[in-house]
């Protein structure tokens, strides 16, 4: 099943992807981790902060 994920580098969303979670066919780029975007998180975008599970808007 494909779901929405965030590519996170240094606590900041670098990109969002739709992915099936298959790590044998794809791995995140070096220095980035993949974090599942929960359905109740809202529209997570590039630049948002991520603590490993929760997403917050960046400070303006």
PDB file of N, CA and C in Angstrom:
ATOM      1  N   UNK A   1       0.846  -1.183   0.000  1.00  0.00           N
ATOM      2  CA  UNK A   1       0.000   0.000   0.000  1.00  0.00           C
ATOM      3  C   UNK A   1       0.892   1.247   0.000  1.00  0.00           C
ATOM      4  N   UNK A   2       0.619   2.168  -0.877  1.00  0.00           N
ATOM      5  CA  UNK A   2       1.390   3.405  -0.921  1.00  0.00           C
ATOM      6  C   UNK A   2       0.821   4.407   0.073  1.00  0.00           C
ATOM      7  N   UNK A   3       1.721   5.180   0.679  1.00  0.00           N
ATOM      8  CA  UNK A   3       1.339   6.191   1.656  1.00  0.00           C
ATOM      9  C   UNK A   3       2.206   7.420   1.452  1.00  0.00           C
ATOM     10  N   UNK A   4       1.857   8.502   2.115  1.00  0.00           N
ATOM     11  CA  UNK A   4       2.632   9.744   2.041  1.00  0.00           C
ATOM     12  C   UNK A   4       3.730   9.730   3.093  1.00  0.00           C
ATOM     13  N   UNK A   5       4.943  10.053   2.633  1.00  0.00           N
ATOM     14  CA  UNK A   5       6.103  10.104   3.510  1.00  0.00           C
ATOM     15  C   UNK A   5       6.820  11.424   3.313  1.00  0.00           C
ATOM     16  N   UNK A   6       7.587  11.795   4.326  1.00  0.00           N
ATOM     17  CA  UNK A   6       8.452  12.970   4.227  1.00  0.00           C
ATOM     18  C   UNK A   6       9.901  12.500   4.246  1.00  0.00           C
ATOM     19  N   UNK A   7      10.720  13.105   3.406  1.00  0.00           N
ATOM     20  CA  UNK A   7      12.164  12.924   3.482  1.00  0.00           C
ATOM     21  C   UNK A   7      12.674  14.034   4.385  1.00  0.00           C
ATOM     22  N   UNK A   8      13.284  13.661   5.500  1.00  0.00           N
ATOM     23  CA  UNK A   8      13.678  14.630   6.527  1.00  0.00           C
ATOM     24  C   UNK A   8      15.193  14.644   6.670  1.00  0.00           C
ATOM     25  N   UNK A   9      15.765  15.846   6.633  1.00  0.00           N
ATOM     26  CA  UNK A   9      17.201  16.037   6.837  1.00  0.00           C
ATOM     27  C   UNK A   9      17.387  17.083   7.926  1.00  0.00           C
ATOM     28  N   UNK A  10      18.113  16.740   8.960  1.00  0.00           N
ATOM     29  CA  UNK A  10      18.390  17.660  10.074  1.00  0.00           C
ATOM     30  C   UNK A  10      17.113  18.248  10.667  1.00  0.00           C
ATOM     31  N   UNK A  11      16.067  17.426  10.775  1.00  0.00           N
ATOM     32  CA  UNK A  11      14.832  17.864  11.403  1.00  0.00           C
ATOM     33  C   UNK A  11      13.922  18.716  10.540  1.00  0.00           C
ATOM     34  N   UNK A  12      14.230  18.830   9.237  1.00  0.00           N
ATOM     35  CA  UNK A  12      13.431  19.657   8.327  1.00  0.00           C
ATOM     36  C   UNK A  12      13.025  18.817   7.124  1.00  0.00           C
ATOM     37  N   UNK A  13      11.759  18.934   6.703  1.00  0.00           N
ATOM     38  CA  UNK A  13      11.266  18.204   5.544  1.00  0.00           C
ATOM     39  C   UNK A  13      11.948  18.741   4.283  1.00  0.00           C
ATOM     40  N   UNK A  14      12.671  17.852   3.600  1.00  0.00           N
ATOM     41  CA  UNK A  14      13.363  18.213   2.360  1.00  0.00           C
ATOM     42  C   UNK A  14      12.491  17.934   1.138  1.00  0.00           C
ATOM     43  N   UNK A  15      11.565  16.971   1.277  1.00  0.00           N
ATOM     44  CA  UNK A  15      10.669  16.626   0.183  1.00  0.00           C
ATOM     45  C   UNK A  15       9.577  15.718   0.722  1.00  0.00           C
ATOM     46  N   UNK A  16       8.495  15.569  -0.030  1.00  0.00           N
ATOM     47  CA  UNK A  16       7.453  14.612   0.314  1.00  0.00           C
ATOM     48  C   UNK A  16       7.318  13.646  -0.859  1.00  0.00           C
ATOM     49  N   UNK A  17       7.001  12.395  -0.535  1.00  0.00           N
ATOM     50  CA  UNK A  17       6.894  11.365  -1.561  1.00  0.00           C
ATOM     51  C   UNK A  17       5.697  10.462  -1.284  1.00  0.00           C
ATOM     52  N   UNK A  18       5.258   9.784  -2.318  1.00  0.00           N
ATOM     53  CA  UNK A  18       4.280   8.704  -2.183  1.00  0.00           C
ATOM     54  C   UNK A  18       5.082   7.428  -2.412  1.00  0.00           C
ATOM     55  N   UNK A  19       5.061   6.508  -1.431  1.00  0.00           N
ATOM     56  CA  UNK A  19       5.965   5.361  -1.460  1.00  0.00           C
ATOM     57  C   UNK A  19       5.277   4.153  -0.850  1.00  0.00           C
ATOM     58  N   UNK A  20       5.679   2.977  -1.305  1.00  0.00           N
ATOM     59  CA  UNK A  20       5.102   1.741  -0.777  1.00  0.00           C
ATOM     60  C   UNK A  20       5.864   1.183   0.420  1.00  0.00           C
ATOM     61  N   UNK A  21       6.951   1.828   0.822  1.00  0.00           N
ATOM     62  CA  UNK A  21       7.710   1.401   1.988  1.00  0.00           C
ATOM     63  C   UNK A  21       8.695   0.278   1.716  1.00  0.00           C
ATOM     64  N   UNK A  22       8.857  -0.131   0.465  1.00  0.00           N
ATOM     65  CA  UNK A  22       9.743  -1.231   0.094  1.00  0.00           C
ATOM     66  C   UNK A  22      11.196  -0.751   0.084  1.00  0.00           C
ATOM     67  N   UNK A  23      11.936  -1.064   1.156  1.00  0.00           N
ATOM     68  CA  UNK A  23      13.323  -0.606   1.272  1.00  0.00           C
ATOM     69  C   UNK A  23      14.293  -1.443   0.439  1.00  0.00           C
ATOM     70  N   UNK A  24      13.835  -2.558  -0.116  1.00  0.00           N
ATOM     71  CA  UNK A  24      14.705  -3.343  -0.993  1.00  0.00           C
ATOM     72  C   UNK A  24      14.824  -2.693  -2.369  1.00  0.00           C
ATOM     73  N   UNK A  25      13.812  -1.921  -2.774  1.00  0.00           N
ATOM     74  CA  UNK A  25      13.820  -1.293  -4.094  1.00  0.00           C
ATOM     75  C   UNK A  25      14.199   0.178  -4.071  1.00  0.00           C
ATOM     76  N   UNK A  26      14.180   0.792  -2.890  1.00  0.00           N
ATOM     77  CA  UNK A  26      14.526   2.216  -2.799  1.00  0.00           C
ATOM     78  C   UNK A  26      14.949   2.541  -1.380  1.00  0.00           C
ATOM     79  N   UNK A  27      15.955   3.371  -1.243  1.00  0.00           N
ATOM     80  CA  UNK A  27      16.440   3.870   0.033  1.00  0.00           C
ATOM     81  C   UNK A  27      16.492   5.386  -0.045  1.00  0.00           C
ATOM     82  N   UNK A  28      16.277   6.087   1.072  1.00  0.00           N
ATOM     83  CA  UNK A  28      16.398   7.549   1.032  1.00  0.00           C
ATOM     84  C   UNK A  28      17.840   7.959   0.771  1.00  0.00           C
ATOM     85  N   UNK A  29      18.031   9.148   0.230  1.00  0.00           N
ATOM     86  CA  UNK A  29      19.393   9.637   0.006  1.00  0.00           C
ATOM     87  C   UNK A  29      20.170   9.727   1.326  1.00  0.00           C
ATOM     88  N   UNK A  30      21.486   9.652   1.224  1.00  0.00           N
ATOM     89  CA  UNK A  30      22.341   9.781   2.415  1.00  0.00           C
ATOM     90  C   UNK A  30      22.011  11.074   3.159  1.00  0.00           C
ATOM     91  N   UNK A  31      21.922  10.970   4.476  1.00  0.00           N
ATOM     92  CA  UNK A  31      21.654  12.136   5.303  1.00  0.00           C
ATOM     93  C   UNK A  31      20.178  12.440   5.496  1.00  0.00           C
ATOM     94  N   UNK A  32      19.314  11.631   4.877  1.00  0.00           N
ATOM     95  CA  UNK A  32      17.870  11.839   5.019  1.00  0.00           C
ATOM     96  C   UNK A  32      17.224  10.575   5.568  1.00  0.00           C
ATOM     97  N   UNK A  33      16.136  10.760   6.308  1.00  0.00           N
ATOM     98  CA  UNK A  33      15.338   9.646   6.805  1.00  0.00           C
ATOM     99  C   UNK A  33      13.925   9.796   6.265  1.00  0.00           C
ATOM    100  N   UNK A  34      13.223   8.684   6.201  1.00  0.00           N
ATOM    101  CA  UNK A  34      11.847   8.682   5.721  1.00  0.00           C
ATOM    102  C   UNK A  34      10.922   8.609   6.933  1.00  0.00           C
ATOM    103  N   UNK A  35       9.941   9.517   6.997  1.00  0.00           N
ATOM    104  CA  UNK A  35       8.989   9.543   8.101  1.00  0.00           C
ATOM    105  C   UNK A  35       7.585   9.514   7.516  1.00  0.00           C
ATOM    106  N   UNK A  36       6.766   8.559   7.974  1.00  0.00           N
ATOM    107  CA  UNK A  36       5.386   8.465   7.536  1.00  0.00           C
ATOM    108  C   UNK A  36       4.633   9.725   7.940  1.00  0.00           C
ATOM    109  N   UNK A  37       3.880  10.299   7.018  1.00  0.00           N
ATOM    110  CA  UNK A  37       3.043  11.454   7.331  1.00  0.00           C
ATOM    111  C   UNK A  37       1.675  10.918   7.743  1.00  0.00           C
ATOM    112  N   UNK A  38       1.292  11.071   9.002  1.00  0.00           N
ATOM    113  CA  UNK A  38      -0.011  10.570   9.442  1.00  0.00           C
ATOM    114  C   UNK A  38      -1.147  11.274   8.706  1.00  0.00           C
ATOM    115  N   UNK A  39      -2.237  10.568   8.517  1.00  0.00           N
ATOM    116  CA  UNK A  39      -3.369  11.132   7.780  1.00  0.00           C
ATOM    117  C   UNK A  39      -3.948  12.365   8.470  1.00  0.00           C
ATOM    118  N   UNK A  40      -3.742  12.500   9.787  1.00  0.00           N
ATOM    119  CA  UNK A  40      -4.282  13.654  10.507  1.00  0.00           C
ATOM    120  C   UNK A  40      -3.276  14.801  10.626  1.00  0.00           C
ATOM    121  N   UNK A  41      -2.108  14.690   9.945  1.00  0.00           N
ATOM    122  CA  UNK A  41      -1.073  15.724  10.050  1.00  0.00           C
ATOM    123  C   UNK A  41      -1.381  16.951   9.205  1.00  0.00           C
ATOM    124  N   UNK A  42      -2.290  16.833   8.253  1.00  0.00           N
ATOM    125  CA  UNK A  42      -2.575  17.963   7.375  1.00  0.00           C
ATOM    126  C   UNK A  42      -1.602  17.994   6.219  1.00  0.00           C
ATOM    127  N   UNK A  43      -1.536  19.095   5.519  1.00  0.00           N
ATOM    128  CA  UNK A  43      -0.696  19.199   4.323  1.00  0.00           C
ATOM    129  C   UNK A  43       0.772  19.508   4.658  1.00  0.00           C
ATOM    130  N   UNK A  44       1.551  18.499   4.986  1.00  0.00           N
ATOM    131  CA  UNK A  44       2.972  18.676   5.295  1.00  0.00           C
ATOM    132  C   UNK A  44       3.709  19.038   4.008  1.00  0.00           C
ATOM    133  N   UNK A  45       4.613  20.007   4.089  1.00  0.00           N
ATOM    134  CA  UNK A  45       5.339  20.486   2.911  1.00  0.00           C
ATOM    135  C   UNK A  45       6.816  20.658   3.215  1.00  0.00           C
ATOM    136  N   UNK A  46       7.579  20.907   2.161  1.00  0.00           N
ATOM    137  CA  UNK A  46       8.998  21.202   2.286  1.00  0.00           C
ATOM    138  C   UNK A  46       9.177  22.387   3.237  1.00  0.00           C
ATOM    139  N   UNK A  47      10.136  22.256   4.145  1.00  0.00           N
ATOM    140  CA  UNK A  47      10.416  23.325   5.099  1.00  0.00           C
ATOM    141  C   UNK A  47       9.778  23.119   6.460  1.00  0.00           C
ATOM    142  N   UNK A  48       8.805  22.223   6.555  1.00  0.00           N
ATOM    143  CA  UNK A  48       8.205  21.943   7.858  1.00  0.00           C
ATOM    144  C   UNK A  48       9.245  21.278   8.747  1.00  0.00           C
ATOM    145  N   UNK A  49       9.082  21.402  10.055  1.00  0.00           N
ATOM    146  CA  UNK A  49       9.961  20.746  11.013  1.00  0.00           C
ATOM    147  C   UNK A  49       9.397  19.372  11.347  1.00  0.00           C
ATOM    148  N   UNK A  50      10.295  18.437  11.670  1.00  0.00           N
ATOM    149  CA  UNK A  50       9.876  17.086  12.051  1.00  0.00           C
ATOM    150  C   UNK A  50      10.782  16.589  13.165  1.00  0.00           C
ATOM    151  N   UNK A  51      10.174  16.089  14.233  1.00  0.00           N
ATOM    152  CA  UNK A  51      10.962  15.563  15.355  1.00  0.00           C
ATOM    153  C   UNK A  51      11.129  14.045  15.273  1.00  0.00           C
ATOM    154  N   UNK A  52      10.778  13.484  14.140  1.00  0.00           N
ATOM    155  CA  UNK A  52      10.860  12.033  13.960  1.00  0.00           C
ATOM    156  C   UNK A  52       9.496  11.388  13.857  1.00  0.00           C
ATOM    157  N   UNK A  53       8.462  12.101  14.310  1.00  0.00           N
ATOM    158  CA  UNK A  53       7.103  11.568  14.192  1.00  0.00           C
ATOM    159  C   UNK A  53       6.063  12.680  14.024  1.00  0.00           C
ATOM    160  N   UNK A  54       6.270  13.809  14.675  1.00  0.00           N
ATOM    161  CA  UNK A  54       5.315  14.915  14.596  1.00  0.00           C
ATOM    162  C   UNK A  54       5.868  16.010  13.674  1.00  0.00           C
ATOM    163  N   UNK A  55       4.958  16.672  12.965  1.00  0.00           N
ATOM    164  CA  UNK A  55       5.327  17.723  12.036  1.00  0.00           C
ATOM    165  C   UNK A  55       4.762  19.055  12.521  1.00  0.00           C
ATOM    166  N   UNK A  56       5.558  20.126  12.378  1.00  0.00           N
ATOM    167  CA  UNK A  56       5.103  21.457  12.760  1.00  0.00           C
ATOM    168  C   UNK A  56       5.503  22.456  11.678  1.00  0.00           C
ATOM    169  N   UNK A  57       4.706  23.511  11.558  1.00  0.00           N
ATOM    170  CA  UNK A  57       5.014  24.569  10.609  1.00  0.00           C
ATOM    171  C   UNK A  57       6.318  25.259  10.983  1.00  0.00           C
ATOM    172  N   UNK A  58       7.088  25.685   9.996  1.00  0.00           N
ATOM    173  CA  UNK A  58       8.318  26.413  10.324  1.00  0.00           C
ATOM    174  C   UNK A  58       7.973  27.798  10.835  1.00  0.00           C
ATOM    175  N   UNK A  59       8.889  28.359  11.639  1.00  0.00           N
ATOM    176  CA  UNK A  59       8.704  29.725  12.110  1.00  0.00           C
ATOM    177  C   UNK A  59       8.961  30.681  10.970  1.00  0.00           C
ATOM    178  N   UNK A  60       8.161  31.712  10.894  1.00  0.00           N
ATOM    179  CA  UNK A  60       8.331  32.704   9.823  1.00  0.00           C
ATOM    180  C   UNK A  60       9.322  33.761  10.193  1.00  0.00           C
TER     181      UNK A  60
END
